[in-house]
Amino acid sequence: RSFTVANNRFVKDGVEMVLKAGCIHYSRVPREYWRDRLLRIKAMGLNAIQTYIPWNFHEEVKGQVSFEGQRDLTAFLSLAADLNLLVFFRGG
């Protein structure tokens, strides 16, 4: 797998592509709706999503970090990958 820029164009796995991205905040969408919302994004013709990782959502109490249940970032990213969506994420 690869993702590069060549001749001012995005190239994924050797094929030029146009990125069409939407923004979704997994922390604000109930987990049971993640799949539905990502499928809706795909239905709009988008091939990528952008999300941020709100650290205060994962560490509500200093020193106690949680990535379980609604906070399961790995599950969200895996679901996006299963649906063939690229993900751009940033810490927040």
PDB file of N, CA and C in Angstrom:
ATOM      1  N   ARG A   1       0.838  -1.178   0.000  1.00  0.00           N
ATOM      2  CA  ARG A   1       0.000   0.000   0.000  1.00  0.00           C
ATOM      3  C   ARG A   1       0.883   1.241   0.000  1.00  0.00           C
ATOM      4  N   SER A   2       0.460   2.239  -0.764  1.00  0.00           N
ATOM      5  CA  SER A   2       1.229   3.475  -0.796  1.00  0.00           C
ATOM      6  C   SER A   2       0.310   4.664  -1.038  1.00  0.00           C
ATOM      7  N   PHE A   3       0.781   5.823  -0.615  1.00  0.00           N
ATOM      8  CA  PHE A   3       0.072   7.075  -0.862  1.00  0.00           C
ATOM      9  C   PHE A   3       1.138   8.134  -1.042  1.00  0.00           C
ATOM     10  N   THR A   4       1.210   8.712  -2.236  1.00  0.00           N
ATOM     11  CA  THR A   4       2.244   9.697  -2.544  1.00  0.00           C
ATOM     12  C   THR A   4       1.626  10.863  -3.316  1.00  0.00           C
ATOM     13  N   VAL A   5       2.461  11.867  -3.561  1.00  0.00           N
ATOM     14  CA  VAL A   5       2.094  12.982  -4.427  1.00  0.00           C
ATOM     15  C   VAL A   5       3.092  12.988  -5.570  1.00  0.00           C
ATOM     16  N   ALA A   6       2.562  12.966  -6.788  1.00  0.00           N
ATOM     17  CA  ALA A   6       3.422  12.995  -7.977  1.00  0.00           C
ATOM     18  C   ALA A   6       2.799  13.943  -8.991  1.00  0.00           C
ATOM     19  N   ASN A   7       3.595  14.839  -9.528  1.00  0.00           N
ATOM     20  CA  ASN A   7       3.102  15.805 -10.517  1.00  0.00           C
ATOM     21  C   ASN A   7       1.880  16.554 -10.006  1.00  0.00           C
ATOM     22  N   ASN A   8       1.942  16.960  -8.724  1.00  0.00           N
ATOM     23  CA  ASN A   8       0.849  17.701  -8.080  1.00  0.00           C
ATOM     24  C   ASN A   8      -0.463  16.922  -8.024  1.00  0.00           C
ATOM     25  N   ARG A   9      -0.390  15.607  -8.012  1.00  0.00           N
ATOM     26  CA  ARG A   9      -1.583  14.763  -7.924  1.00  0.00           C
ATOM     27  C   ARG A   9      -1.372  13.710  -6.839  1.00  0.00           C
ATOM     28  N   PHE A  10      -2.469  13.334  -6.182  1.00  0.00           N
ATOM     29  CA  PHE A  10      -2.409  12.263  -5.200  1.00  0.00           C
ATOM     30  C   PHE A  10      -2.390  10.928  -5.924  1.00  0.00           C
ATOM     31  N   VAL A  11      -1.544  10.016  -5.434  1.00  0.00           N
ATOM     32  CA  VAL A  11      -1.419   8.686  -6.037  1.00  0.00           C
ATOM     33  C   VAL A  11      -1.534   7.656  -4.915  1.00  0.00           C
ATOM     34  N   LYS A  12      -2.562   6.820  -4.999  1.00  0.00           N
ATOM     35  CA  LYS A  12      -2.763   5.761  -4.008  1.00  0.00           C
ATOM     36  C   LYS A  12      -2.560   4.425  -4.692  1.00  0.00           C
ATOM     37  N   ASP A  13      -1.632   3.646  -4.166  1.00  0.00           N
ATOM     38  CA  ASP A  13      -1.325   2.326  -4.729  1.00  0.00           C
ATOM     39  C   ASP A  13      -1.076   2.385  -6.230  1.00  0.00           C
ATOM     40  N   GLY A  14      -0.377   3.448  -6.665  1.00  0.00           N
ATOM     41  CA  GLY A  14      -0.003   3.582  -8.063  1.00  0.00           C
ATOM     42  C   GLY A  14      -1.065   4.170  -8.972  1.00  0.00           C
ATOM     43  N   VAL A  15      -2.227   4.533  -8.442  1.00  0.00           N
ATOM     44  CA  VAL A  15      -3.328   5.073  -9.253  1.00  0.00           C
ATOM     45  C   VAL A  15      -3.634   6.501  -8.801  1.00  0.00           C
ATOM     46  N   GLU A  16      -3.663   7.437  -9.770  1.00  0.00           N
ATOM     47  CA  GLU A  16      -4.008   8.816  -9.434  1.00  0.00           C
ATOM     48  C   GLU A  16      -5.434   8.859  -8.907  1.00  0.00           C
ATOM     49  N   MET A  17      -5.651   9.748  -7.933  1.00  0.00           N
ATOM     50  CA  MET A  17      -6.996   9.847  -7.374  1.00  0.00           C
ATOM     51  C   MET A  17      -7.285  11.281  -6.954  1.00  0.00           C
ATOM     52  N   VAL A  18      -8.548  11.582  -6.871  1.00  0.00           N
ATOM     53  CA  VAL A  18      -9.010  12.857  -6.342  1.00  0.00           C
ATOM     54  C   VAL A  18      -9.571  12.576  -4.954  1.00  0.00           C
ATOM     55  N   LEU A  19      -9.090  13.308  -3.973  1.00  0.00           N
ATOM     56  CA  LEU A  19      -9.602  13.135  -2.611  1.00  0.00           C
ATOM     57  C   LEU A  19     -10.876  13.950  -2.453  1.00  0.00           C
ATOM     58  N   LYS A  20     -11.898  13.280  -1.980  1.00  0.00           N
ATOM     59  CA  LYS A  20     -13.168  13.933  -1.669  1.00  0.00           C
ATOM     60  C   LYS A  20     -13.483  13.544  -0.232  1.00  0.00           C
ATOM     61  N   ALA A  21     -13.278  14.489   0.685  1.00  0.00           N
ATOM     62  CA  ALA A  21     -13.379  14.156   2.104  1.00  0.00           C
ATOM     63  C   ALA A  21     -14.477  14.940   2.806  1.00  0.00           C
ATOM     64  N   GLY A  22     -15.009  14.305   3.814  1.00  0.00           N
ATOM     65  CA  GLY A  22     -15.964  14.936   4.709  1.00  0.00           C
ATOM     66  C   GLY A  22     -15.462  14.797   6.126  1.00  0.00           C
ATOM     67  N   CYS A  23     -16.040  15.553   7.025  1.00  0.00           N
ATOM     68  CA  CYS A  23     -15.599  15.550   8.417  1.00  0.00           C
ATOM     69  C   CYS A  23     -16.642  14.842   9.276  1.00  0.00           C
ATOM     70  N   ILE A  24     -16.172  13.962  10.140  1.00  0.00           N
ATOM     71  CA  ILE A  24     -17.042  13.276  11.090  1.00  0.00           C
ATOM     72  C   ILE A  24     -16.298  13.163  12.412  1.00  0.00           C
ATOM     73  N   HIS A  25     -16.997  13.426  13.493  1.00  0.00           N
ATOM     74  CA  HIS A  25     -16.392  13.374  14.815  1.00  0.00           C
ATOM     75  C   HIS A  25     -16.927  12.145  15.545  1.00  0.00           C
ATOM     76  N   TYR A  26     -16.139  11.091  15.570  1.00  0.00           N
ATOM     77  CA  TYR A  26     -16.574   9.832  16.178  1.00  0.00           C
ATOM     78  C   TYR A  26     -16.998  10.022  17.633  1.00  0.00           C
ATOM     79  N   SER A  27     -16.422  10.994  18.297  1.00  0.00           N
ATOM     80  CA  SER A  27     -16.745  11.222  19.704  1.00  0.00           C
ATOM     81  C   SER A  27     -18.132  11.837  19.886  1.00  0.00           C
ATOM     82  N   ARG A  28     -18.694  12.379  18.829  1.00  0.00           N
ATOM     83  CA  ARG A  28     -20.012  13.018  18.908  1.00  0.00           C
ATOM     84  C   ARG A  28     -21.123  12.171  18.301  1.00  0.00           C
ATOM     85  N   VAL A  29     -20.742  11.076  17.662  1.00  0.00           N
ATOM     86  CA  VAL A  29     -21.721  10.185  17.035  1.00  0.00           C
ATOM     87  C   VAL A  29     -21.773   8.904  17.861  1.00  0.00           C
ATOM     88  N   PRO A  30     -22.950   8.503  18.344  1.00  0.00           N
ATOM     89  CA  PRO A  30     -23.022   7.243  19.094  1.00  0.00           C
ATOM     90  C   PRO A  30     -22.440   6.088  18.280  1.00  0.00           C
ATOM     91  N   ARG A  31     -21.681   5.243  18.946  1.00  0.00           N
ATOM     92  CA  ARG A  31     -20.976   4.153  18.271  1.00  0.00           C
ATOM     93  C   ARG A  31     -21.895   3.312  17.384  1.00  0.00           C
ATOM     94  N   GLU A  32     -23.119   3.075  17.832  1.00  0.00           N
ATOM     95  CA  GLU A  32     -24.033   2.242  17.044  1.00  0.00           C
ATOM     96  C   GLU A  32     -24.429   2.896  15.719  1.00  0.00           C
ATOM     97  N   TYR A  33     -24.107   4.190  15.536  1.00  0.00           N
ATOM     98  CA  TYR A  33     -24.399   4.887  14.276  1.00  0.00           C
ATOM     99  C   TYR A  33     -23.162   5.086  13.401  1.00  0.00           C
ATOM    100  N   TRP A  34     -21.991   4.692  13.883  1.00  0.00           N
ATOM    101  CA  TRP A  34     -20.777   4.920  13.098  1.00  0.00           C
ATOM    102  C   TRP A  34     -20.892   4.346  11.690  1.00  0.00           C
ATOM    103  N   ARG A  35     -21.266   3.081  11.572  1.00  0.00           N
ATOM    104  CA  ARG A  35     -21.348   2.444  10.258  1.00  0.00           C
ATOM    105  C   ARG A  35     -22.338   3.187   9.357  1.00  0.00           C
ATOM    106  N   ASP A  36     -23.498   3.491   9.885  1.00  0.00           N
ATOM    107  CA  ASP A  36     -24.510   4.198   9.105  1.00  0.00           C
ATOM    108  C   ASP A  36     -23.977   5.531   8.589  1.00  0.00           C
ATOM    109  N   ARG A  37     -23.336   6.289   9.454  1.00  0.00           N
ATOM    110  CA  ARG A  37     -22.840   7.611   9.043  1.00  0.00           C
ATOM    111  C   ARG A  37     -21.718   7.492   8.020  1.00  0.00           C
ATOM    112  N   LEU A  38     -20.845   6.509   8.196  1.00  0.00           N
ATOM    113  CA  LEU A  38     -19.772   6.320   7.211  1.00  0.00           C
ATOM    114  C   LEU A  38     -20.338   5.860   5.869  1.00  0.00           C
ATOM    115  N   LEU A  39     -21.354   5.015   5.892  1.00  0.00           N
ATOM    116  CA  LEU A  39     -22.002   4.595   4.636  1.00  0.00           C
ATOM    117  C   LEU A  39     -22.674   5.781   3.948  1.00  0.00           C
ATOM    118  N   ARG A  40     -23.234   6.683   4.715  1.00  0.00           N
ATOM    119  CA  ARG A  40     -23.837   7.891   4.132  1.00  0.00           C
ATOM    120  C   ARG A  40     -22.776   8.768   3.475  1.00  0.00           C
ATOM    121  N   ILE A  41     -21.622   8.851   4.128  1.00  0.00           N
ATOM    122  CA  ILE A  41     -20.505   9.611   3.549  1.00  0.00           C
ATOM    123  C   ILE A  41     -20.113   9.008   2.208  1.00  0.00           C
ATOM    124  N   LYS A  42     -20.005   7.682   2.158  1.00  0.00           N
ATOM    125  CA  LYS A  42     -19.674   7.011   0.888  1.00  0.00           C
ATOM    126  C   LYS A  42     -20.764   7.243  -0.152  1.00  0.00           C
ATOM    127  N   ALA A  43     -22.036   7.220   0.270  1.00  0.00           N
ATOM    128  CA  ALA A  43     -23.151   7.422  -0.652  1.00  0.00           C
ATOM    129  C   ALA A  43     -23.122   8.813  -1.279  1.00  0.00           C
ATOM    130  N   MET A  44     -22.499   9.770  -0.599  1.00  0.00           N
ATOM    131  CA  MET A  44     -22.357  11.122  -1.155  1.00  0.00           C
ATOM    132  C   MET A  44     -21.197  11.201  -2.141  1.00  0.00           C
ATOM    133  N   GLY A  45     -20.502  10.090  -2.341  1.00  0.00           N
ATOM    134  CA  GLY A  45     -19.399  10.075  -3.294  1.00  0.00           C
ATOM    135  C   GLY A  45     -18.052  10.438  -2.694  1.00  0.00           C
ATOM    136  N   LEU A  46     -17.980  10.487  -1.376  1.00  0.00           N
ATOM    137  CA  LEU A  46     -16.712  10.822  -0.734  1.00  0.00           C
ATOM    138  C   LEU A  46     -15.871   9.564  -0.556  1.00  0.00           C
ATOM    139  N   ASN A  47     -14.556   9.731  -0.579  1.00  0.00           N
ATOM    140  CA  ASN A  47     -13.661   8.585  -0.436  1.00  0.00           C
ATOM    141  C   ASN A  47     -12.707   8.725   0.745  1.00  0.00           C
ATOM    142  N   ALA A  48     -12.931   9.759   1.551  1.00  0.00           N
ATOM    143  CA  ALA A  48     -12.066   9.999   2.705  1.00  0.00           C
ATOM    144  C   ALA A  48     -12.850  10.742   3.786  1.00  0.00           C
ATOM    145  N   ILE A  49     -12.385  10.586   5.017  1.00  0.00           N
ATOM    146  CA  ILE A  49     -12.959  11.344   6.120  1.00  0.00           C
ATOM    147  C   ILE A  49     -11.840  12.031   6.874  1.00  0.00           C
ATOM    148  N   GLN A  50     -12.217  13.069   7.579  1.00  0.00           N
ATOM    149  CA  GLN A  50     -11.299  13.765   8.470  1.00  0.00           C
ATOM    150  C   GLN A  50     -11.933  13.713   9.850  1.00  0.00           C
ATOM    151  N   THR A  51     -11.136  13.416  10.845  1.00  0.00           N
ATOM    152  CA  THR A  51     -11.607  13.432  12.224  1.00  0.00           C
ATOM    153  C   THR A  51     -10.484  13.897  13.128  1.00  0.00           C
ATOM    154  N   TYR A  52     -10.861  14.392  14.281  1.00  0.00           N
ATOM    155  CA  TYR A  52      -9.827  14.758  15.252  1.00  0.00           C
ATOM    156  C   TYR A  52      -9.980  13.882  16.487  1.00  0.00           C
ATOM    157  N   ILE A  53      -8.919  13.786  17.231  1.00  0.00           N
ATOM    158  CA  ILE A  53      -8.905  12.979  18.445  1.00  0.00           C
ATOM    159  C   ILE A  53      -8.931  13.941  19.631  1.00  0.00           C
ATOM    160  N   PRO A  54     -10.111  14.141  20.225  1.00  0.00           N
ATOM    161  CA  PRO A  54     -10.196  15.067  21.358  1.00  0.00           C
ATOM    162  C   PRO A  54      -9.640  14.397  22.618  1.00  0.00           C
ATOM    163  N   TRP A  55      -8.445  14.792  23.003  1.00  0.00           N
ATOM    164  CA  TRP A  55      -7.791  14.096  24.095  1.00  0.00           C
ATOM    165  C   TRP A  55      -8.605  14.167  25.382  1.00  0.00           C
ATOM    166  N   ASN A  56      -9.310  15.264  25.612  1.00  0.00           N
ATOM    167  CA  ASN A  56     -10.097  15.372  26.843  1.00  0.00           C
ATOM    168  C   ASN A  56     -11.258  14.373  26.862  1.00  0.00           C
ATOM    169  N   PHE A  57     -11.635  13.846  25.695  1.00  0.00           N
ATOM    170  CA  PHE A  57     -12.661  12.800  25.611  1.00  0.00           C
ATOM    171  C   PHE A  57     -12.093  11.462  26.083  1.00  0.00           C
ATOM    172  N   HIS A  58     -10.817  11.234  25.813  1.00  0.00           N
ATOM    173  CA  HIS A  58     -10.165   9.976  26.177  1.00  0.00           C
ATOM    174  C   HIS A  58      -9.545  10.014  27.577  1.00  0.00           C
ATOM    175  N   GLU A  59      -9.269  11.202  28.072  1.00  0.00           N
ATOM    176  CA  GLU A  59      -8.674  11.337  29.405  1.00  0.00           C
ATOM    177  C   GLU A  59      -9.487  12.363  30.205  1.00  0.00           C
ATOM    178  N   GLU A  60     -10.682  11.945  30.615  1.00  0.00           N
ATOM    179  CA  GLU A  60     -11.547  12.846  31.393  1.00  0.00           C
ATOM    180  C   GLU A  60     -10.959  13.118  32.778  1.00  0.00           C
ATOM    181  N   VAL A  61     -10.270  12.122  33.312  1.00  0.00           N
ATOM    182  CA  VAL A  61      -9.583  12.268  34.598  1.00  0.00           C
ATOM    183  C   VAL A  61      -8.090  12.143  34.319  1.00  0.00           C
ATOM    184  N   LYS A  62      -7.329  13.118  34.753  1.00  0.00           N
ATOM    185  CA  LYS A  62      -5.891  13.123  34.481  1.00  0.00           C
ATOM    186  C   LYS A  62      -5.262  11.794  34.867  1.00  0.00           C
ATOM    187  N   GLY A  63      -4.549  11.199  33.909  1.00  0.00           N
ATOM    188  CA  GLY A  63      -3.850   9.943  34.141  1.00  0.00           C
ATOM    189  C   GLY A  63      -4.681   8.701  33.887  1.00  0.00           C
ATOM    190  N   GLN A  64      -5.981   8.862  33.615  1.00  0.00           N
ATOM    191  CA  GLN A  64      -6.853   7.720  33.334  1.00  0.00           C
ATOM    192  C   GLN A  64      -7.338   7.825  31.883  1.00  0.00           C
ATOM    193  N   VAL A  65      -6.705   7.068  31.015  1.00  0.00           N
ATOM    194  CA  VAL A  65      -6.993   7.121  29.581  1.00  0.00           C
ATOM    195  C   VAL A  65      -7.892   5.954  29.203  1.00  0.00           C
ATOM    196  N   SER A  66      -8.891   6.238  28.362  1.00  0.00           N
ATOM    197  CA  SER A  66      -9.821   5.190  27.934  1.00  0.00           C
ATOM    198  C   SER A  66      -9.980   5.192  26.418  1.00  0.00           C
ATOM    199  N   PHE A  67      -9.843   4.022  25.827  1.00  0.00           N
ATOM    200  CA  PHE A  67     -10.114   3.816  24.407  1.00  0.00           C
ATOM    201  C   PHE A  67     -11.087   2.653  24.252  1.00  0.00           C
ATOM    202  N   GLU A  68     -12.078   2.590  25.124  1.00  0.00           N
ATOM    203  CA  GLU A  68     -13.055   1.504  25.111  1.00  0.00           C
ATOM    204  C   GLU A  68     -14.438   2.053  24.814  1.00  0.00           C
ATOM    205  N   GLY A  69     -15.343   1.160  24.348  1.00  0.00           N
ATOM    206  CA  GLY A  69     -16.725   1.551  24.103  1.00  0.00           C
ATOM    207  C   GLY A  69     -16.819   2.684  23.100  1.00  0.00           C
ATOM    208  N   GLN A  70     -17.514   3.746  23.466  1.00  0.00           N
ATOM    209  CA  GLN A  70     -17.678   4.921  22.605  1.00  0.00           C
ATOM    210  C   GLN A  70     -16.333   5.549  22.251  1.00  0.00           C
ATOM    211  N   ARG A  71     -15.324   5.305  23.068  1.00  0.00           N
ATOM    212  CA  ARG A  71     -14.008   5.916  22.867  1.00  0.00           C
ATOM    213  C   ARG A  71     -13.048   5.016  22.074  1.00  0.00           C
ATOM    214  N   ASP A  72     -13.543   3.954  21.477  1.00  0.00           N
ATOM    215  CA  ASP A  72     -12.699   2.970  20.795  1.00  0.00           C
ATOM    216  C   ASP A  72     -12.270   3.487  19.421  1.00  0.00           C
ATOM    217  N   LEU A  73     -11.231   4.283  19.430  1.00  0.00           N
ATOM    218  CA  LEU A  73     -10.718   4.884  18.201  1.00  0.00           C
ATOM    219  C   LEU A  73     -10.287   3.820  17.191  1.00  0.00           C
ATOM    220  N   THR A  74      -9.672   2.750  17.670  1.00  0.00           N
ATOM    221  CA  THR A  74      -9.240   1.671  16.772  1.00  0.00           C
ATOM    222  C   THR A  74     -10.422   1.070  16.035  1.00  0.00           C
ATOM    223  N   ALA A  75     -11.532   0.861  16.723  1.00  0.00           N
ATOM    224  CA  ALA A  75     -12.726   0.305  16.081  1.00  0.00           C
ATOM    225  C   ALA A  75     -13.252   1.255  15.016  1.00  0.00           C
ATOM    226  N   PHE A  76     -13.251   2.554  15.304  1.00  0.00           N
ATOM    227  CA  PHE A  76     -13.728   3.532  14.327  1.00  0.00           C
ATOM    228  C   PHE A  76     -12.839   3.548  13.088  1.00  0.00           C
ATOM    229  N   LEU A  77     -11.526   3.578  13.302  1.00  0.00           N
ATOM    230  CA  LEU A  77     -10.593   3.596  12.172  1.00  0.00           C
ATOM    231  C   LEU A  77     -10.669   2.291  11.372  1.00  0.00           C
ATOM    232  N   SER A  78     -10.840   1.172  12.053  1.00  0.00           N
ATOM    233  CA  SER A  78     -10.975  -0.122  11.366  1.00  0.00           C
ATOM    234  C   SER A  78     -12.243  -0.165  10.528  1.00  0.00           C
ATOM    235  N   LEU A  79     -13.322   0.382  11.057  1.00  0.00           N
ATOM    236  CA  LEU A  79     -14.580   0.431  10.311  1.00  0.00           C
ATOM    237  C   LEU A  79     -14.417   1.278   9.050  1.00  0.00           C
ATOM    238  N   ALA A  80     -13.772   2.419   9.183  1.00  0.00           N
ATOM    239  CA  ALA A  80     -13.525   3.268   8.015  1.00  0.00           C
ATOM    240  C   ALA A  80     -12.678   2.518   6.982  1.00  0.00           C
ATOM    241  N   ALA A  81     -11.668   1.812   7.428  1.00  0.00           N
ATOM    242  CA  ALA A  81     -10.814   1.040   6.519  1.00  0.00           C
ATOM    243  C   ALA A  81     -11.614  -0.072   5.845  1.00  0.00           C
ATOM    244  N   ASP A  82     -12.477  -0.757   6.610  1.00  0.00           N
ATOM    245  CA  ASP A  82     -13.318  -1.818   6.036  1.00  0.00           C
ATOM    246  C   ASP A  82     -14.218  -1.277   4.940  1.00  0.00           C
ATOM    247  N   LEU A  83     -14.617  -0.003   5.069  1.00  0.00           N
ATOM    248  CA  LEU A  83     -15.488   0.626   4.075  1.00  0.00           C
ATOM    249  C   LEU A  83     -14.687   1.335   2.984  1.00  0.00           C
ATOM    250  N   ASN A  84     -13.366   1.126   2.990  1.00  0.00           N
ATOM    251  CA  ASN A  84     -12.480   1.691   1.964  1.00  0.00           C
ATOM    252  C   ASN A  84     -12.423   3.219   1.997  1.00  0.00           C
ATOM    253  N   LEU A  85     -12.512   3.785   3.176  1.00  0.00           N
ATOM    254  CA  LEU A  85     -12.391   5.235   3.325  1.00  0.00           C
ATOM    255  C   LEU A  85     -11.008   5.568   3.863  1.00  0.00           C
ATOM    256  N   LEU A  86     -10.341   6.517   3.238  1.00  0.00           N
ATOM    257  CA  LEU A  86      -9.093   7.033   3.783  1.00  0.00           C
ATOM    258  C   LEU A  86      -9.428   7.892   4.991  1.00  0.00           C
ATOM    259  N   VAL A  87      -8.513   7.957   5.944  1.00  0.00           N
ATOM    260  CA  VAL A  87      -8.753   8.754   7.149  1.00  0.00           C
ATOM    261  C   VAL A  87      -7.603   9.717   7.370  1.00  0.00           C
ATOM    262  N   PHE A  88      -7.949  10.966   7.552  1.00  0.00           N
ATOM    263  CA  PHE A  88      -6.989  11.981   7.970  1.00  0.00           C
ATOM    264  C   PHE A  88      -7.382  12.348   9.391  1.00  0.00           C
ATOM    265  N   PHE A  89      -6.494  12.100  10.335  1.00  0.00           N
ATOM    266  CA  PHE A  89      -6.848  12.450  11.707  1.00  0.00           C
ATOM    267  C   PHE A  89      -5.780  13.328  12.324  1.00  0.00           C
ATOM    268  N   ARG A  90      -6.249  14.092  13.310  1.00  0.00           N
ATOM    269  CA  ARG A  90      -5.340  15.010  13.993  1.00  0.00           C
ATOM    270  C   ARG A  90      -5.653  15.001  15.479  1.00  0.00           C
ATOM    271  N   GLY A  91      -4.653  15.197  16.250  1.00  0.00           N
ATOM    272  CA  GLY A  91      -4.842  15.265  17.685  1.00  0.00           C
ATOM    273  C   GLY A  91      -5.493  16.583  18.081  1.00  0.00           C
ATOM    274  N   GLY A  92      -6.247  16.545  19.143  1.00  0.00           N
ATOM    275  CA  GLY A  92      -6.940  17.768  19.555  1.00  0.00           C
ATOM    276  C   GLY A  92      -6.922  17.927  21.033  1.00  0.00           C
TER     277      GLY A  92
END
